[in-house]
Amino acid sequence: MHGEGDFEGSLGRGVSGSIPPAFGVVYGASESLSEAIFGGGSEAGVRVGGTDTNEVVVTRRGLFVTGTDTNVGKTVVSAALFHRYRSEVSLCYWKPVQTGIEQDDDTATVRALGECTDGEIFDQGVRLPRPVSPHLAARWAGRRITVAALLALWESAPVSVRWIVEGAGGVLVPLNEGELMVDLMRALHLPALIVARSTLGTINHTLLTVEALRYRAIPIAGVVMVGPPNPENRRAIEEYGGVPVLGEMPWFEPLTPEGLRTWAQAGLDPDGRLREGWA
């Protein structure tokens, strides 16, 4: 784990090595996407690392739910994942960074919309007032968010469940003067599920997000589009981004656990692209 003093984020030095291909997702040398998300084998979630030692490296499996923008629907999609997958795998939700806590509590929203038990919520993390970027909310509160501090919380999280981790804003949102949200994503080693609008402008925003993730070799599980169905935008994202759209979530009026459950069970990952890693 990097200490606060020696961790250099995307703003600090960029990324070494060549840029990954525009199409094609980068995983570990010998793992599929499903293994990256849900693990595999009899000891899923635990890897033995090192070449000359018996060091055991404990990893946690799951998804990092990110978005092309703020208020794009990440929290509702996170809740929908519980309705779609909890019958097949044990899940737990974590919101590492929350700003504007006086008016928005995404953890409480997921708990309610996803009908989650206490065991399905990991309610630890940075909670700050004022609905602004994390780096600014922290500065105004006299605090500093670091990837190292968030990883320390992550080390205390259970390894026996599969994780739904929700980011704040998009992938390039600053956490501090030198680290971005994508640096946390890279440190957690979880594939990304991108939540994107279905409306005008989404092609550019989604492809920029895909490019930012691939540049840092972060696997992409797929995209969930939110809003009125738009076949042309969906086709463009899949063709130019080389990523699957795993669902098209409507705007719910009203938004209820029952309505979300009905959609998720029928419309979220209907082809079971994410299921193969659970066997």
C-alpha atoms as a PDB file:
ATOM      1  CA  MET A   1       0.000   0.000   0.000  1.00  0.00           C
ATOM      2  CA  HIS A   2       1.222   3.449  -0.827  1.00  0.00           C
ATOM      3  CA  GLY A   3       1.776   5.872   2.000  1.00  0.00           C
ATOM      4  CA  GLU A   4       0.360   9.353   1.808  1.00  0.00           C
ATOM      5  CA  GLY A   5       3.751  10.842   1.126  1.00  0.00           C
ATOM      6  CA  ASP A   6       4.844   8.528  -1.693  1.00  0.00           C
ATOM      7  CA  PHE A   7       1.651   8.054  -3.684  1.00  0.00           C
ATOM      8  CA  GLU A   8       1.729   9.918  -6.989  1.00  0.00           C
ATOM      9  CA  GLY A   9      -1.623  10.062  -8.764  1.00  0.00           C
ATOM     10  CA  SER A  10      -2.602  10.804 -12.324  1.00  0.00           C
ATOM     11  CA  LEU A  11      -2.017  14.510 -11.882  1.00  0.00           C
ATOM     12  CA  GLY A  12       1.389  13.863 -10.377  1.00  0.00           C
ATOM     13  CA  ARG A  13       3.167  11.906 -13.085  1.00  0.00           C
ATOM     14  CA  GLY A  14       0.795  10.314 -15.577  1.00  0.00           C
ATOM     15  CA  VAL A  15       1.017   6.650 -16.510  1.00  0.00           C
ATOM     16  CA  SER A  16       4.148   4.843 -17.568  1.00  0.00           C
ATOM     17  CA  GLY A  17       4.233   2.479 -20.498  1.00  0.00           C
ATOM     18  CA  SER A  18       2.259   2.487 -23.712  1.00  0.00           C
ATOM     19  CA  ILE A  19      -1.406   3.335 -24.038  1.00  0.00           C
ATOM     20  CA  PRO A  20      -3.618   0.227 -24.312  1.00  0.00           C
ATOM     21  CA  PRO A  21      -5.317  -0.356 -27.676  1.00  0.00           C
ATOM     22  CA  ALA A  22      -8.432   1.692 -28.363  1.00  0.00           C
ATOM     23  CA  PHE A  23     -10.447  -1.510 -28.490  1.00  0.00           C
ATOM     24  CA  GLY A  24      -9.951  -4.400 -26.119  1.00  0.00           C
ATOM     25  CA  VAL A  25     -10.031  -4.547 -22.354  1.00  0.00           C
ATOM     26  CA  VAL A  26      -6.934  -5.116 -20.243  1.00  0.00           C
ATOM     27  CA  TYR A  27      -7.097  -7.715 -17.443  1.00  0.00           C
ATOM     28  CA  GLY A  28      -4.559  -9.628 -15.449  1.00  0.00           C
ATOM     29  CA  ALA A  29      -2.295 -11.864 -17.488  1.00  0.00           C
ATOM     30  CA  SER A  30      -4.395 -14.980 -16.993  1.00  0.00           C
ATOM     31  CA  GLU A  31      -7.852 -13.841 -15.915  1.00  0.00           C
ATOM     32  CA  SER A  32     -11.080 -13.278 -17.783  1.00  0.00           C
ATOM     33  CA  LEU A  33     -13.467 -10.405 -17.129  1.00  0.00           C
ATOM     34  CA  SER A  34     -15.712 -12.632 -15.041  1.00  0.00           C
ATOM     35  CA  GLU A  35     -12.741 -13.706 -12.922  1.00  0.00           C
ATOM     36  CA  ALA A  36     -11.769 -10.075 -12.461  1.00  0.00           C
ATOM     37  CA  ILE A  37     -15.294  -9.247 -11.269  1.00  0.00           C
ATOM     38  CA  PHE A  38     -16.460 -12.297  -9.381  1.00  0.00           C
ATOM     39  CA  GLY A  39     -13.382 -14.427  -8.762  1.00  0.00           C
ATOM     40  CA  GLY A  40     -13.008 -18.100  -9.493  1.00  0.00           C
ATOM     41  CA  GLY A  41     -11.838 -21.383  -8.080  1.00  0.00           C
ATOM     42  CA  SER A  42     -12.306 -22.651  -4.552  1.00  0.00           C
ATOM     43  CA  GLU A  43     -10.490 -19.709  -2.980  1.00  0.00           C
ATOM     44  CA  ALA A  44     -12.085 -16.842  -4.874  1.00  0.00           C
ATOM     45  CA  GLY A  45     -10.906 -13.552  -3.496  1.00  0.00           C
ATOM     46  CA  VAL A  46      -7.522 -14.816  -2.271  1.00  0.00           C
ATOM     47  CA  ARG A  47      -4.425 -14.942  -4.437  1.00  0.00           C
ATOM     48  CA  VAL A  48      -0.966 -16.150  -3.563  1.00  0.00           C
ATOM     49  CA  GLY A  49       1.540 -13.650  -4.920  1.00  0.00           C
ATOM     50  CA  GLY A  50       5.295 -13.305  -5.196  1.00  0.00           C
ATOM     51  CA  THR A  51       7.808 -15.529  -6.884  1.00  0.00           C
ATOM     52  CA  ASP A  52      10.157 -16.390  -4.060  1.00  0.00           C
ATOM     53  CA  THR A  53       7.896 -16.012  -1.028  1.00  0.00           C
ATOM     54  CA  ASN A  54       4.663 -17.434   0.330  1.00  0.00           C
ATOM     55  CA  GLU A  55       3.087 -14.010   0.623  1.00  0.00           C
ATOM     56  CA  VAL A  56      -0.715 -14.143   0.488  1.00  0.00           C
ATOM     57  CA  VAL A  57      -2.309 -11.160  -1.240  1.00  0.00           C
ATOM     58  CA  VAL A  58      -5.974 -10.775  -0.328  1.00  0.00           C
ATOM     59  CA  THR A  59      -8.098  -9.211  -3.049  1.00  0.00           C
ATOM     60  CA  ARG A  60     -11.755  -8.271  -3.054  1.00  0.00           C
ATOM     61  CA  ARG A  61     -13.906  -8.933  -6.088  1.00  0.00           C
ATOM     62  CA  GLY A  62     -16.751  -6.960  -7.557  1.00  0.00           C
ATOM     63  CA  LEU A  63     -17.463  -3.827  -9.581  1.00  0.00           C
ATOM     64  CA  PHE A  64     -16.641  -0.147  -9.311  1.00  0.00           C
ATOM     65  CA  VAL A  65     -19.685   1.822 -10.460  1.00  0.00           C
ATOM     66  CA  THR A  66     -18.554   5.039 -12.099  1.00  0.00           C
ATOM     67  CA  GLY A  67     -20.292   7.550 -14.316  1.00  0.00           C
ATOM     68  CA  THR A  68     -19.817   9.967 -17.164  1.00  0.00           C
ATOM     69  CA  ASP A  69     -21.079  12.789 -14.942  1.00  0.00           C
ATOM     70  CA  THR A  70     -22.515  13.562 -11.542  1.00  0.00           C
ATOM     71  CA  ASN A  71     -26.191  12.725 -10.940  1.00  0.00           C
ATOM     72  CA  VAL A  72     -26.138  10.398 -13.925  1.00  0.00           C
ATOM     73  CA  GLY A  73     -27.704   7.464 -12.051  1.00  0.00           C
ATOM     74  CA  LYS A  74     -24.817   5.605 -10.396  1.00  0.00           C
ATOM     75  CA  THR A  75     -26.640   5.206  -7.085  1.00  0.00           C
ATOM     76  CA  VAL A  76     -29.829   3.822  -8.627  1.00  0.00           C
ATOM     77  CA  VAL A  77     -27.827   1.406 -10.794  1.00  0.00           C
ATOM     78  CA  SER A  78     -25.910   0.308  -7.683  1.00  0.00           C
ATOM     79  CA  ALA A  79     -29.215  -0.486  -5.969  1.00  0.00           C
ATOM     80  CA  ALA A  80     -30.462  -2.276  -9.091  1.00  0.00           C
ATOM     81  CA  LEU A  81     -27.436  -4.583  -9.000  1.00  0.00           C
ATOM     82  CA  PHE A  82     -28.697  -5.977  -5.689  1.00  0.00           C
ATOM     83  CA  HIS A  83     -32.079  -6.849  -7.177  1.00  0.00           C
ATOM     84  CA  ARG A  84     -30.456  -8.466 -10.187  1.00  0.00           C
ATOM     85  CA  TYR A  85     -27.685 -10.471  -8.540  1.00  0.00           C
ATOM     86  CA  ARG A  86     -28.253 -11.039  -4.826  1.00  0.00           C
ATOM     87  CA  SER A  87     -30.011 -14.340  -5.461  1.00  0.00           C
ATOM     88  CA  GLU A  88     -26.802 -15.609  -7.073  1.00  0.00           C
ATOM     89  CA  VAL A  89     -24.004 -14.086  -5.004  1.00  0.00           C
ATOM     90  CA  SER A  90     -23.499 -12.299  -1.674  1.00  0.00           C
ATOM     91  CA  LEU A  91     -23.113  -8.569  -2.301  1.00  0.00           C
ATOM     92  CA  CYS A  92     -21.980  -5.568  -0.280  1.00  0.00           C
ATOM     93  CA  TYR A  93     -22.105  -1.837  -1.136  1.00  0.00           C
ATOM     94  CA  TRP A  94     -19.485   0.797  -0.331  1.00  0.00           C
ATOM     95  CA  LYS A  95     -19.442   4.537  -1.011  1.00  0.00           C
ATOM     96  CA  PRO A  96     -15.877   5.604  -0.158  1.00  0.00           C
ATOM     97  CA  VAL A  97     -16.439   9.350  -0.645  1.00  0.00           C
ATOM     98  CA  GLN A  98     -19.688  11.275  -0.213  1.00  0.00           C
ATOM     99  CA  THR A  99     -20.024  15.037  -0.465  1.00  0.00           C
ATOM    100  CA  GLY A 100     -23.160  17.061   0.204  1.00  0.00           C
ATOM    101  CA  ILE A 101     -24.037  14.637   2.974  1.00  0.00           C
ATOM    102  CA  GLU A 102     -26.507  17.127   4.445  1.00  0.00           C
ATOM    103  CA  GLN A 103     -28.765  16.651   1.426  1.00  0.00           C
ATOM    104  CA  ASP A 104     -27.596  13.444  -0.318  1.00  0.00           C
ATOM    105  CA  ASP A 105     -26.727  10.152   1.332  1.00  0.00           C
ATOM    106  CA  ASP A 106     -26.140   7.591  -1.406  1.00  0.00           C
ATOM    107  CA  THR A 107     -25.589   4.821   1.124  1.00  0.00           C
ATOM    108  CA  ALA A 108     -29.042   5.413   2.615  1.00  0.00           C
ATOM    109  CA  THR A 109     -30.540   5.545  -0.883  1.00  0.00           C
ATOM    110  CA  VAL A 110     -28.994   2.225  -1.898  1.00  0.00           C
ATOM    111  CA  ARG A 111     -30.081   0.689   1.402  1.00  0.00           C
ATOM    112  CA  ALA A 112     -33.684   1.749   0.739  1.00  0.00           C
ATOM    113  CA  LEU A 113     -33.946   1.195  -3.036  1.00  0.00           C
ATOM    114  CA  GLY A 114     -31.946  -2.025  -2.961  1.00  0.00           C
ATOM    115  CA  GLU A 115     -33.817  -3.276   0.132  1.00  0.00           C
ATOM    116  CA  CYS A 116     -30.449  -4.047   1.674  1.00  0.00           C
ATOM    117  CA  THR A 117     -29.727  -5.650   5.009  1.00  0.00           C
ATOM    118  CA  ASP A 118     -27.097  -4.267   7.384  1.00  0.00           C
ATOM    119  CA  GLY A 119     -24.719  -6.976   6.169  1.00  0.00           C
ATOM    120  CA  GLU A 120     -25.003  -5.695   2.601  1.00  0.00           C
ATOM    121  CA  ILE A 121     -23.773  -2.208   3.488  1.00  0.00           C
ATOM    122  CA  PHE A 122     -20.221  -1.171   4.432  1.00  0.00           C
ATOM    123  CA  ASP A 123     -20.946   2.239   5.912  1.00  0.00           C
ATOM    124  CA  GLN A 124     -17.420   3.583   6.253  1.00  0.00           C
ATOM    125  CA  GLY A 125     -15.738   6.398   4.394  1.00  0.00           C
ATOM    126  CA  VAL A 126     -15.364  10.127   3.948  1.00  0.00           C
ATOM    127  CA  ARG A 127     -18.591  12.077   4.549  1.00  0.00           C
ATOM    128  CA  LEU A 128     -18.405  15.795   3.829  1.00  0.00           C
ATOM    129  CA  PRO A 129     -20.901  18.674   3.707  1.00  0.00           C
ATOM    130  CA  ARG A 130     -21.593  20.782   0.596  1.00  0.00           C
ATOM    131  CA  PRO A 131     -22.358  19.182  -2.792  1.00  0.00           C
ATOM    132  CA  VAL A 132     -19.116  19.984  -4.627  1.00  0.00           C
ATOM    133  CA  SER A 133     -16.089  18.058  -5.901  1.00  0.00           C
ATOM    134  CA  PRO A 134     -14.407  15.923  -3.188  1.00  0.00           C
ATOM    135  CA  HIS A 135     -11.154  17.912  -3.233  1.00  0.00           C
ATOM    136  CA  LEU A 136     -13.039  21.169  -2.686  1.00  0.00           C
ATOM    137  CA  ALA A 137     -15.444  19.820  -0.071  1.00  0.00           C
ATOM    138  CA  ALA A 138     -12.466  18.439   1.851  1.00  0.00           C
ATOM    139  CA  ARG A 139     -10.563  21.724   1.633  1.00  0.00           C
ATOM    140  CA  TRP A 140     -13.558  23.693   2.886  1.00  0.00           C
ATOM    141  CA  ALA A 141     -13.958  21.223   5.748  1.00  0.00           C
ATOM    142  CA  GLY A 142     -10.270  21.439   6.697  1.00  0.00           C
ATOM    143  CA  ARG A 143      -9.612  17.849   5.664  1.00  0.00           C
ATOM    144  CA  ARG A 144      -7.652  15.985   2.992  1.00  0.00           C
ATOM    145  CA  ILE A 145      -8.801  12.855   1.202  1.00  0.00           C
ATOM    146  CA  THR A 146      -6.090  10.379   0.184  1.00  0.00           C
ATOM    147  CA  VAL A 147      -6.156   7.086  -1.638  1.00  0.00           C
ATOM    148  CA  ALA A 148      -3.981   5.626   1.129  1.00  0.00           C
ATOM    149  CA  ALA A 149      -6.555   6.467   3.808  1.00  0.00           C
ATOM    150  CA  LEU A 150      -9.386   4.959   1.754  1.00  0.00           C
ATOM    151  CA  LEU A 151      -7.324   1.818   1.143  1.00  0.00           C
ATOM    152  CA  ALA A 152      -6.853   1.495   4.898  1.00  0.00           C
ATOM    153  CA  LEU A 153     -10.655   1.292   5.221  1.00  0.00           C
ATOM    154  CA  TRP A 154     -10.768  -1.190   2.347  1.00  0.00           C
ATOM    155  CA  GLU A 155      -8.321  -3.445   4.184  1.00  0.00           C
ATOM    156  CA  SER A 156     -10.892  -3.854   6.954  1.00  0.00           C
ATOM    157  CA  ALA A 157     -13.687  -4.819   4.545  1.00  0.00           C
ATOM    158  CA  PRO A 158     -14.882  -8.430   4.231  1.00  0.00           C
ATOM    159  CA  VAL A 159     -13.382 -10.606   1.487  1.00  0.00           C
ATOM    160  CA  SER A 160     -16.138 -13.230   1.348  1.00  0.00           C
ATOM    161  CA  VAL A 161     -18.630 -10.997  -0.508  1.00  0.00           C
ATOM    162  CA  ARG A 162     -18.656  -9.427  -3.957  1.00  0.00           C
ATOM    163  CA  TRP A 163     -18.459  -5.648  -3.913  1.00  0.00           C
ATOM    164  CA  ILE A 164     -20.448  -2.823  -5.462  1.00  0.00           C
ATOM    165  CA  VAL A 165     -18.261   0.247  -4.926  1.00  0.00           C
ATOM    166  CA  GLU A 166     -19.724   3.568  -6.061  1.00  0.00           C
ATOM    167  CA  GLY A 167     -17.538   6.505  -6.959  1.00  0.00           C
ATOM    168  CA  ALA A 168     -18.280  10.211  -6.603  1.00  0.00           C
ATOM    169  CA  GLY A 169     -18.786  11.998  -9.905  1.00  0.00           C
ATOM    170  CA  GLY A 170     -16.761  10.771 -12.871  1.00  0.00           C
ATOM    171  CA  VAL A 171     -13.399   9.079 -13.203  1.00  0.00           C
ATOM    172  CA  LEU A 172     -11.294  12.261 -13.318  1.00  0.00           C
ATOM    173  CA  VAL A 173     -12.852  13.983 -10.315  1.00  0.00           C
ATOM    174  CA  PRO A 174     -10.037  15.224  -8.016  1.00  0.00           C
ATOM    175  CA  LEU A 175      -9.660  13.801  -4.512  1.00  0.00           C
ATOM    176  CA  ASN A 176      -6.815  16.145  -3.580  1.00  0.00           C
ATOM    177  CA  GLU A 177      -4.128  18.190  -5.293  1.00  0.00           C
ATOM    178  CA  GLY A 178      -2.500  15.125  -6.851  1.00  0.00           C
ATOM    179  CA  GLU A 179      -4.951  12.203  -6.868  1.00  0.00           C
ATOM    180  CA  LEU A 180      -8.103  11.544  -8.870  1.00  0.00           C
ATOM    181  CA  MET A 181     -11.022   9.160  -8.430  1.00  0.00           C
ATOM    182  CA  VAL A 182      -9.475   6.952 -11.106  1.00  0.00           C
ATOM    183  CA  ASP A 183      -6.404   6.512  -8.882  1.00  0.00           C
ATOM    184  CA  LEU A 184      -8.655   4.980  -6.245  1.00  0.00           C
ATOM    185  CA  MET A 185     -10.271   2.778  -8.890  1.00  0.00           C
ATOM    186  CA  ARG A 186      -6.870   1.539 -10.020  1.00  0.00           C
ATOM    187  CA  ALA A 187      -5.771   0.887  -6.441  1.00  0.00           C
ATOM    188  CA  LEU A 188      -8.890  -1.182  -5.676  1.00  0.00           C
ATOM    189  CA  HIS A 189      -8.298  -3.451  -8.716  1.00  0.00           C
ATOM    190  CA  LEU A 190     -12.001  -3.652  -9.586  1.00  0.00           C
ATOM    191  CA  PRO A 191     -13.429  -3.595 -13.107  1.00  0.00           C
ATOM    192  CA  ALA A 192     -15.548  -0.539 -13.913  1.00  0.00           C
ATOM    193  CA  LEU A 193     -19.233  -0.427 -14.740  1.00  0.00           C
ATOM    194  CA  ILE A 194     -19.924   2.889 -16.490  1.00  0.00           C
ATOM    195  CA  VAL A 195     -23.274   4.609 -15.997  1.00  0.00           C
ATOM    196  CA  ALA A 196     -24.067   6.992 -18.852  1.00  0.00           C
ATOM    197  CA  ARG A 197     -26.966   9.126 -19.996  1.00  0.00           C
ATOM    198  CA  SER A 198     -28.870   7.992 -23.079  1.00  0.00           C
ATOM    199  CA  THR A 199     -29.420  11.514 -24.370  1.00  0.00           C
ATOM    200  CA  LEU A 200     -27.522  13.932 -26.615  1.00  0.00           C
ATOM    201  CA  GLY A 201     -23.836  14.235 -25.701  1.00  0.00           C
ATOM    202  CA  THR A 202     -23.501  10.776 -24.206  1.00  0.00           C
ATOM    203  CA  ILE A 203     -21.391   9.341 -27.041  1.00  0.00           C
ATOM    204  CA  ASN A 204     -18.558  11.773 -26.433  1.00  0.00           C
ATOM    205  CA  HIS A 205     -18.798  11.608 -22.627  1.00  0.00           C
ATOM    206  CA  THR A 206     -18.892   7.811 -22.588  1.00  0.00           C
ATOM    207  CA  LEU A 207     -16.022   7.357 -25.035  1.00  0.00           C
ATOM    208  CA  LEU A 208     -13.891   9.811 -23.050  1.00  0.00           C
ATOM    209  CA  THR A 209     -14.582   7.779 -19.907  1.00  0.00           C
ATOM    210  CA  VAL A 210     -13.705   4.544 -21.708  1.00  0.00           C
ATOM    211  CA  GLU A 211     -10.469   6.077 -22.966  1.00  0.00           C
ATOM    212  CA  ALA A 212      -9.490   7.340 -19.504  1.00  0.00           C
ATOM    213  CA  LEU A 213     -10.030   3.884 -18.004  1.00  0.00           C
ATOM    214  CA  ARG A 214      -8.206   2.007 -20.749  1.00  0.00           C
ATOM    215  CA  TYR A 215      -5.271   4.392 -20.561  1.00  0.00           C
ATOM    216  CA  ARG A 216      -4.819   3.202 -16.976  1.00  0.00           C
ATOM    217  CA  ALA A 217      -5.455  -0.484 -17.813  1.00  0.00           C
ATOM    218  CA  ILE A 218      -8.678  -0.614 -15.762  1.00  0.00           C
ATOM    219  CA  PRO A 219     -11.000  -3.374 -17.042  1.00  0.00           C
ATOM    220  CA  ILE A 220     -14.451  -2.271 -18.213  1.00  0.00           C
ATOM    221  CA  ALA A 221     -17.346  -4.607 -17.472  1.00  0.00           C
ATOM    222  CA  GLY A 222     -19.813  -2.648 -19.567  1.00  0.00           C
ATOM    223  CA  VAL A 223     -22.119   0.354 -19.707  1.00  0.00           C
ATOM    224  CA  VAL A 224     -25.601   0.987 -18.330  1.00  0.00           C
ATOM    225  CA  MET A 225     -27.453   3.779 -20.122  1.00  0.00           C
ATOM    226  CA  VAL A 226     -30.016   5.841 -18.227  1.00  0.00           C
ATOM    227  CA  GLY A 227     -32.959   7.674 -19.782  1.00  0.00           C
ATOM    228  CA  PRO A 228     -35.191   7.222 -22.838  1.00  0.00           C
ATOM    229  CA  PRO A 229     -34.005   4.403 -25.114  1.00  0.00           C
ATOM    230  CA  ASN A 230     -31.780   5.681 -27.904  1.00  0.00           C
ATOM    231  CA  PRO A 231     -30.754   2.864 -30.270  1.00  0.00           C
ATOM    232  CA  GLU A 232     -28.328   5.028 -32.249  1.00  0.00           C
ATOM    233  CA  ASN A 233     -26.441   6.248 -29.184  1.00  0.00           C
ATOM    234  CA  ARG A 234     -26.298   2.696 -27.846  1.00  0.00           C
ATOM    235  CA  ARG A 235     -24.981   1.400 -31.163  1.00  0.00           C
ATOM    236  CA  ALA A 236     -22.326   4.125 -31.330  1.00  0.00           C
ATOM    237  CA  ILE A 237     -21.089   3.452 -27.780  1.00  0.00           C
ATOM    238  CA  GLU A 238     -20.796  -0.269 -28.432  1.00  0.00           C
ATOM    239  CA  GLU A 239     -19.165   0.159 -31.856  1.00  0.00           C
ATOM    240  CA  TYR A 240     -16.735   3.000 -31.186  1.00  0.00           C
ATOM    241  CA  GLY A 241     -16.070   2.147 -27.556  1.00  0.00           C
ATOM    242  CA  GLY A 242     -15.809  -1.604 -27.952  1.00  0.00           C
ATOM    243  CA  VAL A 243     -17.868  -2.095 -24.774  1.00  0.00           C
ATOM    244  CA  PRO A 244     -21.190  -3.865 -24.219  1.00  0.00           C
ATOM    245  CA  VAL A 245     -24.261  -1.961 -23.059  1.00  0.00           C
ATOM    246  CA  LEU A 246     -25.633  -4.183 -20.292  1.00  0.00           C
ATOM    247  CA  GLY A 247     -28.899  -2.340 -19.782  1.00  0.00           C
ATOM    248  CA  GLU A 248     -31.009   0.706 -20.585  1.00  0.00           C
ATOM    249  CA  MET A 249     -32.549   1.966 -17.354  1.00  0.00           C
ATOM    250  CA  PRO A 250     -35.544   4.290 -17.663  1.00  0.00           C
ATOM    251  CA  TRP A 251     -36.275   7.310 -15.516  1.00  0.00           C
ATOM    252  CA  PHE A 252     -38.656   6.070 -12.844  1.00  0.00           C
ATOM    253  CA  GLU A 253     -41.719   8.113 -11.882  1.00  0.00           C
ATOM    254  CA  PRO A 254     -42.019   7.393  -9.038  1.00  0.00           C
ATOM    255  CA  LEU A 255     -38.748   5.727  -8.074  1.00  0.00           C
ATOM    256  CA  THR A 256     -39.575   2.804  -5.794  1.00  0.00           C
ATOM    257  CA  PRO A 257     -37.820  -0.421  -4.764  1.00  0.00           C
ATOM    258  CA  GLU A 258     -40.591  -2.403  -6.435  1.00  0.00           C
ATOM    259  CA  GLY A 259     -40.271  -0.608  -9.763  1.00  0.00           C
ATOM    260  CA  LEU A 260     -36.492  -0.845  -9.703  1.00  0.00           C
ATOM    261  CA  ARG A 261     -36.631  -4.543  -8.879  1.00  0.00           C
ATOM    262  CA  THR A 262     -38.992  -5.240 -11.765  1.00  0.00           C
ATOM    263  CA  TRP A 263     -36.716  -3.482 -14.242  1.00  0.00           C
ATOM    264  CA  ALA A 264     -33.471  -4.952 -12.891  1.00  0.00           C
ATOM    265  CA  GLN A 265     -34.634  -8.538 -12.977  1.00  0.00           C
ATOM    266  CA  ALA A 266     -35.701  -8.219 -16.606  1.00  0.00           C
ATOM    267  CA  GLY A 267     -33.562  -5.452 -18.102  1.00  0.00           C
ATOM    268  CA  LEU A 268     -30.182  -5.401 -16.352  1.00  0.00           C
ATOM    269  CA  ASP A 269     -27.640  -7.711 -18.006  1.00  0.00           C
ATOM    270  CA  PRO A 270     -30.387  -9.829 -19.623  1.00  0.00           C
ATOM    271  CA  ASP A 271     -27.807 -11.968 -21.427  1.00  0.00           C
ATOM    272  CA  GLY A 272     -26.031 -12.853 -18.179  1.00  0.00           C
ATOM    273  CA  ARG A 273     -22.649 -11.535 -19.304  1.00  0.00           C
ATOM    274  CA  LEU A 274     -21.587 -11.098 -15.679  1.00  0.00           C
ATOM    275  CA  ARG A 275     -22.980 -14.404 -14.416  1.00  0.00           C
ATOM    276  CA  GLU A 276     -20.336 -16.784 -15.721  1.00  0.00           C
ATOM    277  CA  GLY A 277     -17.865 -15.904 -12.983  1.00  0.00           C
ATOM    278  CA  TRP A 278     -20.192 -17.067 -10.206  1.00  0.00           C
ATOM    279  CA  ALA A 279     -20.114 -20.746 -11.053  1.00  0.00           C
END
